[in-house]
Amino acid sequence: MGTKQQILKAIQELPEDAGVEDALDRLYLLYKVERGLQQADSGELLSQEEVRLRMAKWLK
């Protein structure tokens, strides 16, 4: 499925009372997931230990 089709599908699946902010949130989530999958495919991964260290800094 192409990008345009994914965008249209995501918008069509929103509830009838969804607003522009809801649509933007959904599209941003799809973008981040797609970006993460591309990074994983290219080997840009973090070890579990690296994730723990980064999260420990965020939670301070």
PDB file of N, CA and C in Angstrom:
ATOM      1  N   MET A   1       0.858  -1.175   0.000  1.00  0.00           N
ATOM      2  CA  MET A   1       0.000   0.000   0.000  1.00  0.00           C
ATOM      3  C   MET A   1       0.901   1.235   0.000  1.00  0.00           C
ATOM      4  N   GLY A   2       0.595   2.170  -0.859  1.00  0.00           N
ATOM      5  CA  GLY A   2       1.382   3.385  -0.954  1.00  0.00           C
ATOM      6  C   GLY A   2       1.099   4.341   0.185  1.00  0.00           C
ATOM      7  N   THR A   3       1.946   5.334   0.294  1.00  0.00           N
ATOM      8  CA  THR A   3       1.827   6.306   1.379  1.00  0.00           C
ATOM      9  C   THR A   3       0.492   7.040   1.331  1.00  0.00           C
ATOM     10  N   LYS A   4       0.103   7.491   0.150  1.00  0.00           N
ATOM     11  CA  LYS A   4      -1.155   8.227   0.029  1.00  0.00           C
ATOM     12  C   LYS A   4      -2.327   7.352   0.464  1.00  0.00           C
ATOM     13  N   GLN A   5      -2.300   6.088   0.065  1.00  0.00           N
ATOM     14  CA  GLN A   5      -3.381   5.184   0.445  1.00  0.00           C
ATOM     15  C   GLN A   5      -3.407   4.955   1.958  1.00  0.00           C
ATOM     16  N   GLN A   6      -2.224   4.870   2.583  1.00  0.00           N
ATOM     17  CA  GLN A   6      -2.156   4.699   4.037  1.00  0.00           C
ATOM     18  C   GLN A   6      -2.737   5.920   4.744  1.00  0.00           C
ATOM     19  N   ILE A   7      -2.425   7.101   4.224  1.00  0.00           N
ATOM     20  CA  ILE A   7      -2.938   8.337   4.825  1.00  0.00           C
ATOM     21  C   ILE A   7      -4.454   8.385   4.712  1.00  0.00           C
ATOM     22  N   LEU A   8      -4.965   8.100   3.529  1.00  0.00           N
ATOM     23  CA  LEU A   8      -6.412   8.115   3.325  1.00  0.00           C
ATOM     24  C   LEU A   8      -7.117   7.094   4.214  1.00  0.00           C
ATOM     25  N   LYS A   9      -6.541   5.903   4.326  1.00  0.00           N
ATOM     26  CA  LYS A   9      -7.132   4.855   5.173  1.00  0.00           C
ATOM     27  C   LYS A   9      -7.159   5.295   6.634  1.00  0.00           C
ATOM     28  N   ALA A  10      -6.056   5.893   7.101  1.00  0.00           N
ATOM     29  CA  ALA A  10      -5.975   6.343   8.490  1.00  0.00           C
ATOM     30  C   ALA A  10      -7.041   7.404   8.770  1.00  0.00           C
ATOM     31  N   ILE A  11      -7.250   8.305   7.835  1.00  0.00           N
ATOM     32  CA  ILE A  11      -8.252   9.359   8.015  1.00  0.00           C
ATOM     33  C   ILE A  11      -9.659   8.769   7.961  1.00  0.00           C
ATOM     34  N   GLN A  12      -9.888   7.844   7.052  1.00  0.00           N
ATOM     35  CA  GLN A  12     -11.216   7.232   6.937  1.00  0.00           C
ATOM     36  C   GLN A  12     -11.581   6.430   8.173  1.00  0.00           C
ATOM     37  N   GLU A  13     -10.589   5.896   8.875  1.00  0.00           N
ATOM     38  CA  GLU A  13     -10.842   5.080  10.064  1.00  0.00           C
ATOM     39  C   GLU A  13     -11.073   5.911  11.322  1.00  0.00           C
ATOM     40  N   LEU A  14     -10.883   7.229  11.235  1.00  0.00           N
ATOM     41  CA  LEU A  14     -11.134   8.087  12.389  1.00  0.00           C
ATOM     42  C   LEU A  14     -12.635   8.124  12.686  1.00  0.00           C
ATOM     43  N   PRO A  15     -13.000   8.303  13.946  1.00  0.00           N
ATOM     44  CA  PRO A  15     -14.419   8.440  14.277  1.00  0.00           C
ATOM     45  C   PRO A  15     -15.016   9.688  13.606  1.00  0.00           C
ATOM     46  N   GLU A  16     -16.312   9.691  13.438  1.00  0.00           N
ATOM     47  CA  GLU A  16     -16.993  10.811  12.769  1.00  0.00           C
ATOM     48  C   GLU A  16     -16.770  12.142  13.482  1.00  0.00           C
ATOM     49  N   ASP A  17     -16.600  12.110  14.802  1.00  0.00           N
ATOM     50  CA  ASP A  17     -16.443  13.352  15.551  1.00  0.00           C
ATOM     51  C   ASP A  17     -14.975  13.768  15.718  1.00  0.00           C
ATOM     52  N   ALA A  18     -14.079  13.126  14.983  1.00  0.00           N
ATOM     53  CA  ALA A  18     -12.653  13.453  15.082  1.00  0.00           C
ATOM     54  C   ALA A  18     -12.383  14.828  14.483  1.00  0.00           C
ATOM     55  N   GLY A  19     -11.439  15.515  15.079  1.00  0.00           N
ATOM     56  CA  GLY A  19     -11.053  16.832  14.587  1.00  0.00           C
ATOM     57  C   GLY A  19      -9.715  16.775  13.856  1.00  0.00           C
ATOM     58  N   VAL A  20      -9.278  17.929  13.440  1.00  0.00           N
ATOM     59  CA  VAL A  20      -8.011  18.026  12.716  1.00  0.00           C
ATOM     60  C   VAL A  20      -6.858  17.544  13.591  1.00  0.00           C
ATOM     61  N   GLU A  21      -6.888  17.904  14.867  1.00  0.00           N
ATOM     62  CA  GLU A  21      -5.816  17.477  15.771  1.00  0.00           C
ATOM     63  C   GLU A  21      -5.764  15.952  15.879  1.00  0.00           C
ATOM     64  N   ASP A  22      -6.912  15.308  15.907  1.00  0.00           N
ATOM     65  CA  ASP A  22      -6.959  13.843  15.943  1.00  0.00           C
ATOM     66  C   ASP A  22      -6.311  13.257  14.686  1.00  0.00           C
ATOM     67  N   ALA A  23      -6.627  13.842  13.549  1.00  0.00           N
ATOM     68  CA  ALA A  23      -6.061  13.363  12.287  1.00  0.00           C
ATOM     69  C   ALA A  23      -4.548  13.552  12.271  1.00  0.00           C
ATOM     70  N   LEU A  24      -4.088  14.696  12.732  1.00  0.00           N
ATOM     71  CA  LEU A  24      -2.648  14.950  12.774  1.00  0.00           C
ATOM     72  C   LEU A  24      -1.944  13.997  13.726  1.00  0.00           C
ATOM     73  N   ASP A  25      -2.561  13.735  14.874  1.00  0.00           N
ATOM     74  CA  ASP A  25      -1.978  12.783  15.830  1.00  0.00           C
ATOM     75  C   ASP A  25      -1.836  11.404  15.195  1.00  0.00           C
ATOM     76  N   ARG A  26      -2.881  10.964  14.503  1.00  0.00           N
ATOM     77  CA  ARG A  26      -2.862   9.650  13.858  1.00  0.00           C
ATOM     78  C   ARG A  26      -1.784   9.590  12.778  1.00  0.00           C
ATOM     79  N   LEU A  27      -1.693  10.626  11.965  1.00  0.00           N
ATOM     80  CA  LEU A  27      -0.696  10.646  10.891  1.00  0.00           C
ATOM     81  C   LEU A  27       0.722  10.700  11.450  1.00  0.00           C
ATOM     82  N   TYR A  28       0.913  11.452  12.538  1.00  0.00           N
ATOM     83  CA  TYR A  28       2.235  11.521  13.149  1.00  0.00           C
ATOM     84  C   TYR A  28       2.636  10.170  13.723  1.00  0.00           C
ATOM     85  N   LEU A  29       1.692   9.474  14.328  1.00  0.00           N
ATOM     86  CA  LEU A  29       1.973   8.133  14.844  1.00  0.00           C
ATOM     87  C   LEU A  29       2.387   7.204  13.710  1.00  0.00           C
ATOM     88  N   LEU A  30       1.646   7.234  12.606  1.00  0.00           N
ATOM     89  CA  LEU A  30       1.997   6.394  11.458  1.00  0.00           C
ATOM     90  C   LEU A  30       3.391   6.728  10.933  1.00  0.00           C
ATOM     91  N   TYR A  31       3.714   8.022  10.891  1.00  0.00           N
ATOM     92  CA  TYR A  31       5.037   8.455  10.441  1.00  0.00           C
ATOM     93  C   TYR A  31       6.129   7.891  11.352  1.00  0.00           C
ATOM     94  N   LYS A  32       5.930   8.003  12.652  1.00  0.00           N
ATOM     95  CA  LYS A  32       6.945   7.528  13.601  1.00  0.00           C
ATOM     96  C   LYS A  32       7.119   6.008  13.516  1.00  0.00           C
ATOM     97  N   VAL A  33       6.037   5.271  13.348  1.00  0.00           N
ATOM     98  CA  VAL A  33       6.127   3.821  13.214  1.00  0.00           C
ATOM     99  C   VAL A  33       6.895   3.466  11.946  1.00  0.00           C
ATOM    100  N   GLU A  34       6.540   4.122  10.832  1.00  0.00           N
ATOM    101  CA  GLU A  34       7.215   3.854   9.561  1.00  0.00           C
ATOM    102  C   GLU A  34       8.707   4.181   9.668  1.00  0.00           C
ATOM    103  N   ARG A  35       9.025   5.291  10.286  1.00  0.00           N
ATOM    104  CA  ARG A  35      10.430   5.686  10.473  1.00  0.00           C
ATOM    105  C   ARG A  35      11.170   4.663  11.328  1.00  0.00           C
ATOM    106  N   GLY A  36      10.545   4.196  12.389  1.00  0.00           N
ATOM    107  CA  GLY A  36      11.164   3.194  13.248  1.00  0.00           C
ATOM    108  C   GLY A  36      11.413   1.884  12.517  1.00  0.00           C
ATOM    109  N   LEU A  37      10.463   1.487  11.684  1.00  0.00           N
ATOM    110  CA  LEU A  37      10.648   0.257  10.906  1.00  0.00           C
ATOM    111  C   LEU A  37      11.804   0.407   9.917  1.00  0.00           C
ATOM    112  N   GLN A  38      11.908   1.563   9.291  1.00  0.00           N
ATOM    113  CA  GLN A  38      13.009   1.808   8.366  1.00  0.00           C
ATOM    114  C   GLN A  38      14.353   1.778   9.095  1.00  0.00           C
ATOM    115  N   GLN A  39      14.403   2.363  10.278  1.00  0.00           N
ATOM    116  CA  GLN A  39      15.633   2.349  11.063  1.00  0.00           C
ATOM    117  C   GLN A  39      15.994   0.926  11.467  1.00  0.00           C
ATOM    118  N   ALA A  40      15.019   0.150  11.862  1.00  0.00           N
ATOM    119  CA  ALA A  40      15.279  -1.243  12.245  1.00  0.00           C
ATOM    120  C   ALA A  40      15.790  -2.037  11.048  1.00  0.00           C
ATOM    121  N   ASP A  41      15.175  -1.817   9.887  1.00  0.00           N
ATOM    122  CA  ASP A  41      15.606  -2.521   8.679  1.00  0.00           C
ATOM    123  C   ASP A  41      17.032  -2.178   8.289  1.00  0.00           C
ATOM    124  N   SER A  42      17.449  -0.938   8.588  1.00  0.00           N
ATOM    125  CA  SER A  42      18.812  -0.523   8.235  1.00  0.00           C
ATOM    126  C   SER A  42      19.812  -0.801   9.346  1.00  0.00           C
ATOM    127  N   GLY A  43      19.370  -1.467  10.414  1.00  0.00           N
ATOM    128  CA  GLY A  43      20.279  -1.856  11.488  1.00  0.00           C
ATOM    129  C   GLY A  43      20.500  -0.800  12.551  1.00  0.00           C
ATOM    130  N   GLU A  44      19.728   0.276  12.525  1.00  0.00           N
ATOM    131  CA  GLU A  44      19.870   1.337  13.519  1.00  0.00           C
ATOM    132  C   GLU A  44      19.064   0.976  14.770  1.00  0.00           C
ATOM    133  N   LEU A  45      19.585   0.039  15.518  1.00  0.00           N
ATOM    134  CA  LEU A  45      18.891  -0.456  16.698  1.00  0.00           C
ATOM    135  C   LEU A  45      19.670  -0.109  17.955  1.00  0.00           C
ATOM    136  N   LEU A  46      18.992  -0.074  19.078  1.00  0.00           N
ATOM    137  CA  LEU A  46      19.621   0.140  20.373  1.00  0.00           C
ATOM    138  C   LEU A  46      19.523  -1.142  21.180  1.00  0.00           C
ATOM    139  N   SER A  47      20.552  -1.384  21.974  1.00  0.00           N
ATOM    140  CA  SER A  47      20.491  -2.535  22.868  1.00  0.00           C
ATOM    141  C   SER A  47      19.527  -2.222  24.006  1.00  0.00           C
ATOM    142  N   GLN A  48      19.095  -3.257  24.680  1.00  0.00           N
ATOM    143  CA  GLN A  48      18.190  -3.067  25.802  1.00  0.00           C
ATOM    144  C   GLN A  48      18.858  -2.225  26.886  1.00  0.00           C
ATOM    145  N   GLU A  49      20.141  -2.421  27.070  1.00  0.00           N
ATOM    146  CA  GLU A  49      20.875  -1.651  28.082  1.00  0.00           C
ATOM    147  C   GLU A  49      20.919  -0.168  27.710  1.00  0.00           C
ATOM    148  N   GLU A  50      21.144   0.143  26.437  1.00  0.00           N
ATOM    149  CA  GLU A  50      21.166   1.532  25.991  1.00  0.00           C
ATOM    150  C   GLU A  50      19.800   2.190  26.199  1.00  0.00           C
ATOM    151  N   VAL A  51      18.750   1.457  25.936  1.00  0.00           N
ATOM    152  CA  VAL A  51      17.401   1.983  26.156  1.00  0.00           C
ATOM    153  C   VAL A  51      17.187   2.271  27.637  1.00  0.00           C
ATOM    154  N   ARG A  52      17.609   1.361  28.491  1.00  0.00           N
ATOM    155  CA  ARG A  52      17.470   1.572  29.945  1.00  0.00           C
ATOM    156  C   ARG A  52      18.220   2.817  30.393  1.00  0.00           C
ATOM    157  N   LEU A  53      19.435   3.014  29.881  1.00  0.00           N
ATOM    158  CA  LEU A  53      20.215   4.189  30.257  1.00  0.00           C
ATOM    159  C   LEU A  53      19.538   5.475  29.795  1.00  0.00           C
ATOM    160  N   ARG A  54      19.029   5.482  28.583  1.00  0.00           N
ATOM    161  CA  ARG A  54      18.346   6.677  28.081  1.00  0.00           C
ATOM    162  C   ARG A  54      17.077   6.960  28.874  1.00  0.00           C
ATOM    163  N   MET A  55      16.320   5.925  29.183  1.00  0.00           N
ATOM    164  CA  MET A  55      15.089   6.131  29.938  1.00  0.00           C
ATOM    165  C   MET A  55      15.389   6.615  31.362  1.00  0.00           C
ATOM    166  N   ALA A  56      16.464   6.132  31.941  1.00  0.00           N
ATOM    167  CA  ALA A  56      16.839   6.567  33.289  1.00  0.00           C
ATOM    168  C   ALA A  56      17.114   8.071  33.291  1.00  0.00           C
ATOM    169  N   LYS A  57      17.726   8.576  32.218  1.00  0.00           N
ATOM    170  CA  LYS A  57      17.983  10.028  32.117  1.00  0.00           C
ATOM    171  C   LYS A  57      16.669  10.793  31.982  1.00  0.00           C
ATOM    172  N   TRP A  58      15.719  10.254  31.213  1.00  0.00           N
ATOM    173  CA  TRP A  58      14.444  10.931  30.999  1.00  0.00           C
ATOM    174  C   TRP A  58      13.622  10.995  32.280  1.00  0.00           C
ATOM    175  N   LEU A  59      13.754   9.956  33.109  1.00  0.00           N
ATOM    176  CA  LEU A  59      12.902   9.848  34.293  1.00  0.00           C
ATOM    177  C   LEU A  59      13.463  10.574  35.508  1.00  0.00           C
ATOM    178  N   LYS A  60      14.591  11.235  35.343  1.00  0.00           N
ATOM    179  CA  LYS A  60      15.176  11.976  36.479  1.00  0.00           C
ATOM    180  C   LYS A  60      14.371  13.197  36.792  1.00  0.00           C
TER     181      LYS A  60
END
